[in-house]
Amino acid sequence: KQTYERLGHRVDLITPHPALPDMVFAANAATVIDGIVLGARF
């Protein structure tokens, strides 16, 4: 995260859930293009 910020990028955060150990892998949860969000179905 600090590497991204050092390179000038913005990082937003979502609160982790204690029962979901893989929630850290945020890339799997949505695809966002031009502000349109397509969510995930795992």
Full PDB file with SEQRES, HELIX, SHEET, SSBOND, CRYST1, ORIGX, SCALE, CONECT and MASTER records, all heavy atoms in Angstrom:
SEQRES   1 A   42  LYS GLN THR TYR GLU ARG LEU GLY HIS ARG VAL ASP LEU          
SEQRES   2 A   42  ILE THR PRO HIS PRO ALA LEU PRO ASP MET VAL PHE ALA          
SEQRES   3 A   42  ALA ASN ALA ALA THR VAL ILE ASP GLY ILE VAL LEU GLY          
SEQRES   4 A   42  ALA ARG PHE                                                  
HELIX    1 AA1 GLN A    2  ARG A    6  1                                   5    
HELIX    2 AA2 ALA A   26  ASN A   28  5                                   3    
SHEET    1 AA1 2 ALA A  30  ILE A  33  0                                        
SHEET    2 AA1 2 ILE A  36  GLY A  39 -1                                        
CRYST1    1.000    1.000    1.000  90.00  90.00  90.00 P 1           1          
ORIGX1      1.000000  0.000000  0.000000        0.00000                         
ORIGX2      0.000000  1.000000  0.000000        0.00000                         
ORIGX3      0.000000  0.000000  1.000000        0.00000                         
SCALE1      1.000000  0.000000  0.000000        0.00000                         
SCALE2      0.000000  1.000000  0.000000        0.00000                         
SCALE3      0.000000  0.000000  1.000000        0.00000                         
ATOM      1  N   LYS A   1       0.833  -1.201   0.000  1.00  0.00           N  
ATOM      2  CA  LYS A   1       0.000   0.000   0.000  1.00  0.00           C  
ATOM      3  C   LYS A   1       0.871   1.257   0.000  1.00  0.00           C  
ATOM      4  O   LYS A   1       0.612   2.220  -0.753  1.00  0.00           O  
ATOM      5  CB  LYS A   1      -0.926  -0.015   1.219  1.00  0.00           C  
ATOM      6  CG  LYS A   1      -1.715   1.264   1.445  1.00  0.00           C  
ATOM      7  CD  LYS A   1      -2.614   1.107   2.666  1.00  0.00           C  
ATOM      8  CE  LYS A   1      -3.331   2.407   3.028  1.00  0.00           C  
ATOM      9  NZ  LYS A   1      -2.415   3.419   3.579  1.00  0.00           N  
ATOM     10  N   GLN A   2       1.897   1.273   0.812  1.00  0.00           N  
ATOM     11  CA  GLN A   2       2.777   2.441   0.890  1.00  0.00           C  
ATOM     12  C   GLN A   2       3.548   2.654  -0.410  1.00  0.00           C  
ATOM     13  O   GLN A   2       3.837   3.796  -0.780  1.00  0.00           O  
ATOM     14  CB  GLN A   2       3.735   2.289   2.073  1.00  0.00           C  
ATOM     15  CG  GLN A   2       3.033   2.392   3.419  1.00  0.00           C  
ATOM     16  CD  GLN A   2       3.935   2.047   4.592  1.00  0.00           C  
ATOM     17  OE1 GLN A   2       5.009   1.446   4.422  1.00  0.00           O  
ATOM     18  NE2 GLN A   2       3.519   2.423   5.785  1.00  0.00           N  
ATOM     19  N   THR A   3       3.853   1.572  -1.115  1.00  0.00           N  
ATOM     20  CA  THR A   3       4.515   1.702  -2.422  1.00  0.00           C  
ATOM     21  C   THR A   3       3.604   2.438  -3.391  1.00  0.00           C  
ATOM     22  O   THR A   3       4.039   3.351  -4.114  1.00  0.00           O  
ATOM     23  CB  THR A   3       4.890   0.327  -2.980  1.00  0.00           C  
ATOM     24  OG1 THR A   3       5.854  -0.281  -2.112  1.00  0.00           O  
ATOM     25  CG2 THR A   3       5.483   0.449  -4.385  1.00  0.00           C  
ATOM     26  N   TYR A   4       2.336   2.055  -3.434  1.00  0.00           N  
ATOM     27  CA  TYR A   4       1.390   2.749  -4.310  1.00  0.00           C  
ATOM     28  C   TYR A   4       1.330   4.241  -3.962  1.00  0.00           C  
ATOM     29  O   TYR A   4       1.361   5.103  -4.848  1.00  0.00           O  
ATOM     30  CB  TYR A   4      -0.008   2.151  -4.181  1.00  0.00           C  
ATOM     31  CG  TYR A   4      -0.151   0.747  -4.696  1.00  0.00           C  
ATOM     32  CD1 TYR A   4      -0.970  -0.173  -4.047  1.00  0.00           C  
ATOM     33  CD2 TYR A   4       0.496   0.339  -5.852  1.00  0.00           C  
ATOM     34  CE1 TYR A   4      -1.129  -1.457  -4.525  1.00  0.00           C  
ATOM     35  CE2 TYR A   4       0.349  -0.949  -6.335  1.00  0.00           C  
ATOM     36  CZ  TYR A   4      -0.463  -1.850  -5.663  1.00  0.00           C  
ATOM     37  OH  TYR A   4      -0.610  -3.122  -6.144  1.00  0.00           O  
ATOM     38  N   GLU A   5       1.232   4.531  -2.681  1.00  0.00           N  
ATOM     39  CA  GLU A   5       1.106   5.926  -2.256  1.00  0.00           C  
ATOM     40  C   GLU A   5       2.380   6.711  -2.555  1.00  0.00           C  
ATOM     41  O   GLU A   5       2.321   7.878  -2.973  1.00  0.00           O  
ATOM     42  CB  GLU A   5       0.754   5.968  -0.775  1.00  0.00           C  
ATOM     43  CG  GLU A   5      -0.648   5.419  -0.489  1.00  0.00           C  
ATOM     44  CD  GLU A   5      -0.951   5.219   0.975  1.00  0.00           C  
ATOM     45  OE1 GLU A   5       0.001   4.992   1.761  1.00  0.00           O  
ATOM     46  OE2 GLU A   5      -2.136   5.264   1.342  1.00  0.00           O  
ATOM     47  N   ARG A   6       3.518   6.077  -2.373  1.00  0.00           N  
ATOM     48  CA  ARG A   6       4.795   6.744  -2.675  1.00  0.00           C  
ATOM     49  C   ARG A   6       4.897   7.075  -4.157  1.00  0.00           C  
ATOM     50  O   ARG A   6       5.503   8.095  -4.537  1.00  0.00           O  
ATOM     51  CB  ARG A   6       5.947   5.840  -2.238  1.00  0.00           C  
ATOM     52  CG  ARG A   6       7.328   6.356  -2.592  1.00  0.00           C  
ATOM     53  CD  ARG A   6       8.413   5.502  -1.978  1.00  0.00           C  
ATOM     54  NE  ARG A   6       8.290   4.094  -2.305  1.00  0.00           N  
ATOM     55  CZ  ARG A   6       8.710   3.552  -3.449  1.00  0.00           C  
ATOM     56  NH1 ARG A   6       9.256   4.310  -4.386  1.00  0.00           N  
ATOM     57  NH2 ARG A   6       8.577   2.250  -3.665  1.00  0.00           N  
ATOM     58  N   LEU A   7       4.287   6.245  -4.998  1.00  0.00           N  
ATOM     59  CA  LEU A   7       4.308   6.476  -6.440  1.00  0.00           C  
ATOM     60  C   LEU A   7       3.237   7.460  -6.888  1.00  0.00           C  
ATOM     61  O   LEU A   7       3.098   7.734  -8.086  1.00  0.00           O  
ATOM     62  CB  LEU A   7       4.147   5.148  -7.182  1.00  0.00           C  
ATOM     63  CG  LEU A   7       5.311   4.164  -7.014  1.00  0.00           C  
ATOM     64  CD1 LEU A   7       4.967   2.806  -7.623  1.00  0.00           C  
ATOM     65  CD2 LEU A   7       6.595   4.721  -7.630  1.00  0.00           C  
ATOM     66  N   GLY A   8       2.468   7.986  -5.939  1.00  0.00           N  
ATOM     67  CA  GLY A   8       1.493   9.024  -6.258  1.00  0.00           C  
ATOM     68  C   GLY A   8       0.080   8.550  -6.479  1.00  0.00           C  
ATOM     69  O   GLY A   8      -0.782   9.335  -6.904  1.00  0.00           O  
ATOM     70  N   HIS A   9      -0.206   7.291  -6.177  1.00  0.00           N  
ATOM     71  CA  HIS A   9      -1.541   6.744  -6.404  1.00  0.00           C  
ATOM     72  C   HIS A   9      -2.408   6.869  -5.146  1.00  0.00           C  
ATOM     73  O   HIS A   9      -1.895   6.954  -4.032  1.00  0.00           O  
ATOM     74  CB  HIS A   9      -1.442   5.289  -6.837  1.00  0.00           C  
ATOM     75  CG  HIS A   9      -0.560   5.100  -8.033  1.00  0.00           C  
ATOM     76  ND1 HIS A   9      -0.763   5.786  -9.213  1.00  0.00           N  
ATOM     77  CD2 HIS A   9       0.557   4.342  -8.224  1.00  0.00           C  
ATOM     78  CE1 HIS A   9       0.171   5.448 -10.088  1.00  0.00           C  
ATOM     79  NE2 HIS A   9       0.976   4.576  -9.507  1.00  0.00           N  
ATOM     80  N   ARG A  10      -3.705   6.862  -5.351  1.00  0.00           N  
ATOM     81  CA  ARG A  10      -4.656   6.937  -4.240  1.00  0.00           C  
ATOM     82  C   ARG A  10      -5.098   5.531  -3.857  1.00  0.00           C  
ATOM     83  O   ARG A  10      -5.406   4.711  -4.731  1.00  0.00           O  
ATOM     84  CB  ARG A  10      -5.871   7.774  -4.638  1.00  0.00           C  
ATOM     85  CG  ARG A  10      -7.015   7.745  -3.632  1.00  0.00           C  
ATOM     86  CD  ARG A  10      -8.155   8.636  -4.062  1.00  0.00           C  
ATOM     87  NE  ARG A  10      -9.341   8.409  -3.246  1.00  0.00           N  
ATOM     88  CZ  ARG A  10     -10.484   9.088  -3.366  1.00  0.00           C  
ATOM     89  NH1 ARG A  10     -10.570  10.064  -4.267  1.00  0.00           N  
ATOM     90  NH2 ARG A  10     -11.526   8.818  -2.595  1.00  0.00           N  
ATOM     91  N   VAL A  11      -5.154   5.257  -2.570  1.00  0.00           N  
ATOM     92  CA  VAL A  11      -5.606   3.956  -2.086  1.00  0.00           C  
ATOM     93  C   VAL A  11      -6.788   4.160  -1.148  1.00  0.00           C  
ATOM     94  O   VAL A  11      -6.677   4.829  -0.119  1.00  0.00           O  
ATOM     95  CB  VAL A  11      -4.480   3.200  -1.351  1.00  0.00           C  
ATOM     96  CG1 VAL A  11      -5.013   1.871  -0.806  1.00  0.00           C  
ATOM     97  CG2 VAL A  11      -3.285   2.969  -2.276  1.00  0.00           C  
ATOM     98  N   ASP A  12      -7.937   3.610  -1.522  1.00  0.00           N  
ATOM     99  CA  ASP A  12      -9.110   3.571  -0.655  1.00  0.00           C  
ATOM    100  C   ASP A  12      -9.132   2.222   0.052  1.00  0.00           C  
ATOM    101  O   ASP A  12      -8.568   1.237  -0.447  1.00  0.00           O  
ATOM    102  CB  ASP A  12     -10.391   3.751  -1.466  1.00  0.00           C  
ATOM    103  CG  ASP A  12     -10.538   5.156  -2.026  1.00  0.00           C  
ATOM    104  OD1 ASP A  12      -9.666   6.003  -1.738  1.00  0.00           O  
ATOM    105  OD2 ASP A  12     -11.512   5.416  -2.745  1.00  0.00           O  
ATOM    106  N   LEU A  13      -9.824   2.176   1.190  1.00  0.00           N  
ATOM    107  CA  LEU A  13      -9.825   0.957   1.998  1.00  0.00           C  
ATOM    108  C   LEU A  13     -11.250   0.509   2.294  1.00  0.00           C  
ATOM    109  O   LEU A  13     -12.156   1.324   2.476  1.00  0.00           O  
ATOM    110  CB  LEU A  13      -9.083   1.185   3.318  1.00  0.00           C  
ATOM    111  CG  LEU A  13      -7.612   1.588   3.219  1.00  0.00           C  
ATOM    112  CD1 LEU A  13      -7.050   1.883   4.608  1.00  0.00           C  
ATOM    113  CD2 LEU A  13      -6.796   0.502   2.533  1.00  0.00           C  
ATOM    114  N   ILE A  14     -11.423  -0.806   2.351  1.00  0.00           N  
ATOM    115  CA  ILE A  14     -12.661  -1.415   2.814  1.00  0.00           C  
ATOM    116  C   ILE A  14     -12.349  -2.172   4.097  1.00  0.00           C  
ATOM    117  O   ILE A  14     -11.259  -2.735   4.246  1.00  0.00           O  
ATOM    118  CB  ILE A  14     -13.261  -2.353   1.733  1.00  0.00           C  
ATOM    119  CG1 ILE A  14     -14.613  -2.920   2.188  1.00  0.00           C  
ATOM    120  CG2 ILE A  14     -12.302  -3.470   1.362  1.00  0.00           C  
ATOM    121  CD1 ILE A  14     -15.345  -3.696   1.085  1.00  0.00           C  
ATOM    122  N   THR A  15     -13.279  -2.176   5.035  1.00  0.00           N  
ATOM    123  CA  THR A  15     -13.060  -2.817   6.331  1.00  0.00           C  
ATOM    124  C   THR A  15     -13.107  -4.338   6.200  1.00  0.00           C  
ATOM    125  O   THR A  15     -14.075  -4.882   5.654  1.00  0.00           O  
ATOM    126  CB  THR A  15     -14.119  -2.361   7.341  1.00  0.00           C  
ATOM    127  OG1 THR A  15     -14.090  -0.927   7.440  1.00  0.00           O  
ATOM    128  CG2 THR A  15     -13.872  -2.981   8.714  1.00  0.00           C  
ATOM    129  N   PRO A  16     -12.080  -5.038   6.681  1.00  0.00           N  
ATOM    130  CA  PRO A  16     -12.094  -6.503   6.589  1.00  0.00           C  
ATOM    131  C   PRO A  16     -13.108  -7.116   7.551  1.00  0.00           C  
ATOM    132  O   PRO A  16     -13.422  -6.546   8.594  1.00  0.00           O  
ATOM    133  CB  PRO A  16     -10.666  -6.889   6.976  1.00  0.00           C  
ATOM    134  CG  PRO A  16     -10.184  -5.774   7.844  1.00  0.00           C  
ATOM    135  CD  PRO A  16     -10.847  -4.522   7.313  1.00  0.00           C  
ATOM    136  N   HIS A  17     -13.597  -8.300   7.181  1.00  0.00           N  
ATOM    137  CA  HIS A  17     -14.545  -9.030   8.024  1.00  0.00           C  
ATOM    138  C   HIS A  17     -13.817 -10.208   8.653  1.00  0.00           C  
ATOM    139  O   HIS A  17     -13.131 -10.967   7.954  1.00  0.00           O  
ATOM    140  CB  HIS A  17     -15.725  -9.517   7.186  1.00  0.00           C  
ATOM    141  CG  HIS A  17     -16.862 -10.046   7.998  1.00  0.00           C  
ATOM    142  ND1 HIS A  17     -16.816 -11.257   8.675  1.00  0.00           N  
ATOM    143  CD2 HIS A  17     -18.100  -9.518   8.243  1.00  0.00           C  
ATOM    144  CE1 HIS A  17     -17.952 -11.461   9.295  1.00  0.00           C  
ATOM    145  NE2 HIS A  17     -18.753 -10.422   9.054  1.00  0.00           N  
ATOM    146  N   PRO A  18     -13.951 -10.412   9.967  1.00  0.00           N  
ATOM    147  CA  PRO A  18     -13.182 -11.472  10.643  1.00  0.00           C  
ATOM    148  C   PRO A  18     -13.475 -12.881  10.151  1.00  0.00           C  
ATOM    149  O   PRO A  18     -12.630 -13.773  10.296  1.00  0.00           O  
ATOM    150  CB  PRO A  18     -13.566 -11.307  12.116  1.00  0.00           C  
ATOM    151  CG  PRO A  18     -14.810 -10.481  12.126  1.00  0.00           C  
ATOM    152  CD  PRO A  18     -14.743  -9.607  10.924  1.00  0.00           C  
ATOM    153  N   ALA A  19     -14.631 -13.114   9.559  1.00  0.00           N  
ATOM    154  CA  ALA A  19     -14.980 -14.454   9.088  1.00  0.00           C  
ATOM    155  C   ALA A  19     -14.558 -14.708   7.649  1.00  0.00           C  
ATOM    156  O   ALA A  19     -14.790 -15.804   7.131  1.00  0.00           O  
ATOM    157  CB  ALA A  19     -16.482 -14.680   9.232  1.00  0.00           C  
ATOM    158  N   LEU A  20     -13.904 -13.706   7.015  1.00  0.00           N  
ATOM    159  CA  LEU A  20     -13.561 -13.820   5.593  1.00  0.00           C  
ATOM    160  C   LEU A  20     -12.060 -13.607   5.402  1.00  0.00           C  
ATOM    161  O   LEU A  20     -11.608 -12.503   5.067  1.00  0.00           O  
ATOM    162  CB  LEU A  20     -14.372 -12.804   4.780  1.00  0.00           C  
ATOM    163  CG  LEU A  20     -15.902 -12.982   4.864  1.00  0.00           C  
ATOM    164  CD1 LEU A  20     -16.613 -11.816   4.205  1.00  0.00           C  
ATOM    165  CD2 LEU A  20     -16.325 -14.306   4.237  1.00  0.00           C  
ATOM    166  N   PRO A  21     -11.262 -14.654   5.587  1.00  0.00           N  
ATOM    167  CA  PRO A  21      -9.802 -14.497   5.553  1.00  0.00           C  
ATOM    168  C   PRO A  21      -9.234 -14.126   4.198  1.00  0.00           C  
ATOM    169  O   PRO A  21      -8.123 -13.603   4.114  1.00  0.00           O  
ATOM    170  CB  PRO A  21      -9.296 -15.876   5.995  1.00  0.00           C  
ATOM    171  CG  PRO A  21     -10.410 -16.825   5.662  1.00  0.00           C  
ATOM    172  CD  PRO A  21     -11.659 -16.046   5.908  1.00  0.00           C  
ATOM    173  N   ASP A  22      -9.995 -14.371   3.104  1.00  0.00           N  
ATOM    174  CA  ASP A  22      -9.508 -14.035   1.758  1.00  0.00           C  
ATOM    175  C   ASP A  22     -10.024 -12.692   1.257  1.00  0.00           C  
ATOM    176  O   ASP A  22      -9.792 -12.332   0.094  1.00  0.00           O  
ATOM    177  CB  ASP A  22      -9.916 -15.132   0.760  1.00  0.00           C  
ATOM    178  CG  ASP A  22      -9.020 -16.357   0.858  1.00  0.00           C  
ATOM    179  OD1 ASP A  22      -7.893 -16.232   1.356  1.00  0.00           O  
ATOM    180  OD2 ASP A  22      -9.463 -17.442   0.426  1.00  0.00           O  
ATOM    181  N   MET A  23     -10.664 -11.922   2.124  1.00  0.00           N  
ATOM    182  CA  MET A  23     -11.203 -10.640   1.688  1.00  0.00           C  
ATOM    183  C   MET A  23     -10.101  -9.664   1.279  1.00  0.00           C  
ATOM    184  O   MET A  23     -10.353  -8.687   0.560  1.00  0.00           O  
ATOM    185  CB  MET A  23     -12.065 -10.036   2.793  1.00  0.00           C  
ATOM    186  CG  MET A  23     -12.935  -8.884   2.341  1.00  0.00           C  
ATOM    187  SD  MET A  23     -14.100  -8.387   3.641  1.00  0.00           S  
ATOM    188  CE  MET A  23     -14.641  -6.799   2.979  1.00  0.00           C  
ATOM    189  N   VAL A  24      -8.878  -9.927   1.729  1.00  0.00           N  
ATOM    190  CA  VAL A  24      -7.725  -9.114   1.327  1.00  0.00           C  
ATOM    191  C   VAL A  24      -7.556  -9.078  -0.184  1.00  0.00           C  
ATOM    192  O   VAL A  24      -7.040  -8.101  -0.746  1.00  0.00           O  
ATOM    193  CB  VAL A  24      -6.439  -9.638   2.000  1.00  0.00           C  
ATOM    194  CG1 VAL A  24      -6.170 -11.085   1.640  1.00  0.00           C  
ATOM    195  CG2 VAL A  24      -5.231  -8.778   1.624  1.00  0.00           C  
ATOM    196  N   PHE A  25      -8.021 -10.116  -0.878  1.00  0.00           N  
ATOM    197  CA  PHE A  25      -7.827 -10.196  -2.326  1.00  0.00           C  
ATOM    198  C   PHE A  25      -8.942  -9.427  -3.038  1.00  0.00           C  
ATOM    199  O   PHE A  25      -9.847  -9.990  -3.669  1.00  0.00           O  
ATOM    200  CB  PHE A  25      -7.748 -11.657  -2.755  1.00  0.00           C  
ATOM    201  CG  PHE A  25      -6.623 -12.383  -2.066  1.00  0.00           C  
ATOM    202  CD1 PHE A  25      -6.846 -13.559  -1.365  1.00  0.00           C  
ATOM    203  CD2 PHE A  25      -5.328 -11.885  -2.101  1.00  0.00           C  
ATOM    204  CE1 PHE A  25      -5.806 -14.228  -0.724  1.00  0.00           C  
ATOM    205  CE2 PHE A  25      -4.279 -12.538  -1.462  1.00  0.00           C  
ATOM    206  CZ  PHE A  25      -4.520 -13.708  -0.773  1.00  0.00           C  
ATOM    207  N   ALA A  26      -8.839  -8.107  -2.936  1.00  0.00           N  
ATOM    208  CA  ALA A  26      -9.883  -7.197  -3.399  1.00  0.00           C  
ATOM    209  C   ALA A  26     -10.132  -7.294  -4.892  1.00  0.00           C  
ATOM    210  O   ALA A  26     -11.239  -7.014  -5.358  1.00  0.00           O  
ATOM    211  CB  ALA A  26      -9.504  -5.763  -3.027  1.00  0.00           C  
ATOM    212  N   ALA A  27      -9.122  -7.667  -5.668  1.00  0.00           N  
ATOM    213  CA  ALA A  27      -9.284  -7.714  -7.123  1.00  0.00           C  
ATOM    214  C   ALA A  27     -10.383  -8.672  -7.551  1.00  0.00           C  
ATOM    215  O   ALA A  27     -10.939  -8.518  -8.650  1.00  0.00           O  
ATOM    216  CB  ALA A  27      -7.964  -8.124  -7.781  1.00  0.00           C  
ATOM    217  N   ASN A  28     -10.714  -9.636  -6.715  1.00  0.00           N  
ATOM    218  CA  ASN A  28     -11.709 -10.643  -7.084  1.00  0.00           C  
ATOM    219  C   ASN A  28     -13.149 -10.176  -6.867  1.00  0.00           C  
ATOM    220  O   ASN A  28     -14.077 -10.921  -7.173  1.00  0.00           O  
ATOM    221  CB  ASN A  28     -11.506 -11.930  -6.277  1.00  0.00           C  
ATOM    222  CG  ASN A  28     -10.144 -12.541  -6.434  1.00  0.00           C  
ATOM    223  OD1 ASN A  28      -9.631 -13.154  -5.503  1.00  0.00           O  
ATOM    224  ND2 ASN A  28      -9.515 -12.387  -7.591  1.00  0.00           N  
ATOM    225  N   ALA A  29     -13.345  -8.955  -6.332  1.00  0.00           N  
ATOM    226  CA  ALA A  29     -14.664  -8.569  -5.845  1.00  0.00           C  
ATOM    227  C   ALA A  29     -15.443  -7.649  -6.772  1.00  0.00           C  
ATOM    228  O   ALA A  29     -16.652  -7.467  -6.577  1.00  0.00           O  
ATOM    229  CB  ALA A  29     -14.541  -7.913  -4.470  1.00  0.00           C  
ATOM    230  N   ALA A  30     -14.824  -7.039  -7.777  1.00  0.00           N  
ATOM    231  CA  ALA A  30     -15.561  -6.180  -8.712  1.00  0.00           C  
ATOM    232  C   ALA A  30     -14.644  -5.776  -9.860  1.00  0.00           C  
ATOM    233  O   ALA A  30     -13.415  -5.796  -9.737  1.00  0.00           O  
ATOM    234  CB  ALA A  30     -16.105  -4.925  -8.021  1.00  0.00           C  
ATOM    235  N   THR A  31     -15.273  -5.384 -10.969  1.00  0.00           N  
ATOM    236  CA  THR A  31     -14.579  -4.789 -12.109  1.00  0.00           C  
ATOM    237  C   THR A  31     -15.206  -3.429 -12.348  1.00  0.00           C  
ATOM    238  O   THR A  31     -16.434  -3.327 -12.480  1.00  0.00           O  
ATOM    239  CB  THR A  31     -14.732  -5.659 -13.366  1.00  0.00           C  
ATOM    240  OG1 THR A  31     -14.280  -6.990 -13.078  1.00  0.00           O  
ATOM    241  CG2 THR A  31     -13.921  -5.096 -14.518  1.00  0.00           C  
ATOM    242  N   VAL A  32     -14.387  -2.385 -12.385  1.00  0.00           N  
ATOM    243  CA  VAL A  32     -14.884  -1.017 -12.507  1.00  0.00           C  
ATOM    244  C   VAL A  32     -14.271  -0.370 -13.752  1.00  0.00           C  
ATOM    245  O   VAL A  32     -13.044  -0.247 -13.844  1.00  0.00           O  
ATOM    246  CB  VAL A  32     -14.536  -0.175 -11.269  1.00  0.00           C  
ATOM    247  CG1 VAL A  32     -15.190   1.204 -11.358  1.00  0.00           C  
ATOM    248  CG2 VAL A  32     -14.956  -0.885  -9.991  1.00  0.00           C  
ATOM    249  N   ILE A  33     -15.117   0.039 -14.690  1.00  0.00           N  
ATOM    250  CA  ILE A  33     -14.680   0.733 -15.899  1.00  0.00           C  
ATOM    251  C   ILE A  33     -15.627   1.901 -16.136  1.00  0.00           C  
ATOM    252  O   ILE A  33     -16.856   1.725 -16.150  1.00  0.00           O  
ATOM    253  CB  ILE A  33     -14.659  -0.202 -17.122  1.00  0.00           C  
ATOM    254  CG1 ILE A  33     -13.658  -1.359 -16.901  1.00  0.00           C  
ATOM    255  CG2 ILE A  33     -14.293   0.569 -18.386  1.00  0.00           C  
ATOM    256  CD1 ILE A  33     -13.644  -2.380 -18.017  1.00  0.00           C  
ATOM    257  N   ASP A  34     -15.064   3.098 -16.288  1.00  0.00           N  
ATOM    258  CA  ASP A  34     -15.854   4.313 -16.512  1.00  0.00           C  
ATOM    259  C   ASP A  34     -16.901   4.521 -15.428  1.00  0.00           C  
ATOM    260  O   ASP A  34     -18.010   5.009 -15.685  1.00  0.00           O  
ATOM    261  CB  ASP A  34     -16.535   4.286 -17.886  1.00  0.00           C  
ATOM    262  CG  ASP A  34     -15.531   4.350 -19.027  1.00  0.00           C  
ATOM    263  OD1 ASP A  34     -14.422   4.882 -18.807  1.00  0.00           O  
ATOM    264  OD2 ASP A  34     -15.851   3.866 -20.131  1.00  0.00           O  
ATOM    265  N   GLY A  35     -16.565   4.149 -14.196  1.00  0.00           N  
ATOM    266  CA  GLY A  35     -17.465   4.357 -13.079  1.00  0.00           C  
ATOM    267  C   GLY A  35     -18.580   3.344 -12.955  1.00  0.00           C  
ATOM    268  O   GLY A  35     -19.375   3.406 -12.008  1.00  0.00           O  
ATOM    269  N   ILE A  36     -18.676   2.412 -13.898  1.00  0.00           N  
ATOM    270  CA  ILE A  36     -19.675   1.340 -13.819  1.00  0.00           C  
ATOM    271  C   ILE A  36     -19.060   0.155 -13.081  1.00  0.00           C  
ATOM    272  O   ILE A  36     -17.937  -0.261 -13.387  1.00  0.00           O  
ATOM    273  CB  ILE A  36     -20.136   0.914 -15.219  1.00  0.00           C  
ATOM    274  CG1 ILE A  36     -20.787   2.099 -15.938  1.00  0.00           C  
ATOM    275  CG2 ILE A  36     -21.106  -0.272 -15.141  1.00  0.00           C  
ATOM    276  CD1 ILE A  36     -21.116   1.821 -17.390  1.00  0.00           C  
ATOM    277  N   VAL A  37     -19.796  -0.377 -12.128  1.00  0.00           N  
ATOM    278  CA  VAL A  37     -19.294  -1.467 -11.290  1.00  0.00           C  
ATOM    279  C   VAL A  37     -20.033  -2.758 -11.630  1.00  0.00           C  
ATOM    280  O   VAL A  37     -21.258  -2.835 -11.504  1.00  0.00           O  
ATOM    281  CB  VAL A  37     -19.483  -1.151  -9.795  1.00  0.00           C  
ATOM    282  CG1 VAL A  37     -18.929  -2.293  -8.934  1.00  0.00           C  
ATOM    283  CG2 VAL A  37     -18.821   0.168  -9.432  1.00  0.00           C  
ATOM    284  N   LEU A  38     -19.280  -3.763 -12.048  1.00  0.00           N  
ATOM    285  CA  LEU A  38     -19.813  -5.113 -12.182  1.00  0.00           C  
ATOM    286  C   LEU A  38     -19.269  -5.910 -11.013  1.00  0.00           C  
ATOM    287  O   LEU A  38     -18.065  -6.108 -10.887  1.00  0.00           O  
ATOM    288  CB  LEU A  38     -19.386  -5.745 -13.510  1.00  0.00           C  
ATOM    289  CG  LEU A  38     -19.780  -7.207 -13.716  1.00  0.00           C  
ATOM    290  CD1 LEU A  38     -21.296  -7.388 -13.673  1.00  0.00           C  
ATOM    291  CD2 LEU A  38     -19.205  -7.743 -15.031  1.00  0.00           C  
ATOM    292  N   GLY A  39     -20.148  -6.327 -10.138  1.00  0.00           N  
ATOM    293  CA  GLY A  39     -19.726  -7.049  -8.941  1.00  0.00           C  
ATOM    294  C   GLY A  39     -19.291  -8.467  -9.241  1.00  0.00           C  
ATOM    295  O   GLY A  39     -19.130  -8.867 -10.390  1.00  0.00           O  
ATOM    296  N   ALA A  40     -19.104  -9.244  -8.177  1.00  0.00           N  
ATOM    297  CA  ALA A  40     -18.599 -10.611  -8.296  1.00  0.00           C  
ATOM    298  C   ALA A  40     -19.634 -11.620  -7.829  1.00  0.00           C  
ATOM    299  O   ALA A  40     -20.521 -11.319  -7.033  1.00  0.00           O  
ATOM    300  CB  ALA A  40     -17.316 -10.770  -7.480  1.00  0.00           C  
ATOM    301  N   ARG A  41     -19.494 -12.833  -8.354  1.00  0.00           N  
ATOM    302  CA  ARG A  41     -20.212 -14.004  -7.851  1.00  0.00           C  
ATOM    303  C   ARG A  41     -19.167 -15.108  -7.752  1.00  0.00           C  
ATOM    304  O   ARG A  41     -18.727 -15.651  -8.765  1.00  0.00           O  
ATOM    305  CB  ARG A  41     -21.360 -14.404  -8.775  1.00  0.00           C  
ATOM    306  CG  ARG A  41     -22.139 -15.632  -8.288  1.00  0.00           C  
ATOM    307  CD  ARG A  41     -23.240 -15.994  -9.276  1.00  0.00           C  
ATOM    308  NE  ARG A  41     -24.305 -15.013  -9.271  1.00  0.00           N  
ATOM    309  CZ  ARG A  41     -25.385 -15.080  -8.491  1.00  0.00           C  
ATOM    310  NH1 ARG A  41     -25.544 -16.101  -7.671  1.00  0.00           N  
ATOM    311  NH2 ARG A  41     -26.305 -14.145  -8.554  1.00  0.00           N  
ATOM    312  N   PHE A  42     -18.740 -15.409  -6.534  1.00  0.00           N  
ATOM    313  CA  PHE A  42     -17.624 -16.331  -6.323  1.00  0.00           C  
ATOM    314  C   PHE A  42     -18.042 -17.786  -6.543  1.00  0.00           C  
ATOM    315  O   PHE A  42     -19.160 -18.182  -6.218  1.00  0.00           O  
ATOM    316  CB  PHE A  42     -17.069 -16.171  -4.907  1.00  0.00           C  
ATOM    317  CG  PHE A  42     -16.328 -14.877  -4.680  1.00  0.00           C  
ATOM    318  CD1 PHE A  42     -16.996 -13.744  -4.237  1.00  0.00           C  
ATOM    319  CD2 PHE A  42     -14.969 -14.797  -4.915  1.00  0.00           C  
ATOM    320  CE1 PHE A  42     -16.317 -12.553  -4.029  1.00  0.00           C  
ATOM    321  CE2 PHE A  42     -14.277 -13.610  -4.713  1.00  0.00           C  
ATOM    322  CZ  PHE A  42     -14.950 -12.483  -4.275  1.00  0.00           C  
TER     323      PHE A  42                                                      
MASTER        0    0    0    2    2    0    0    6  322    1    0    4          
END                                                                             
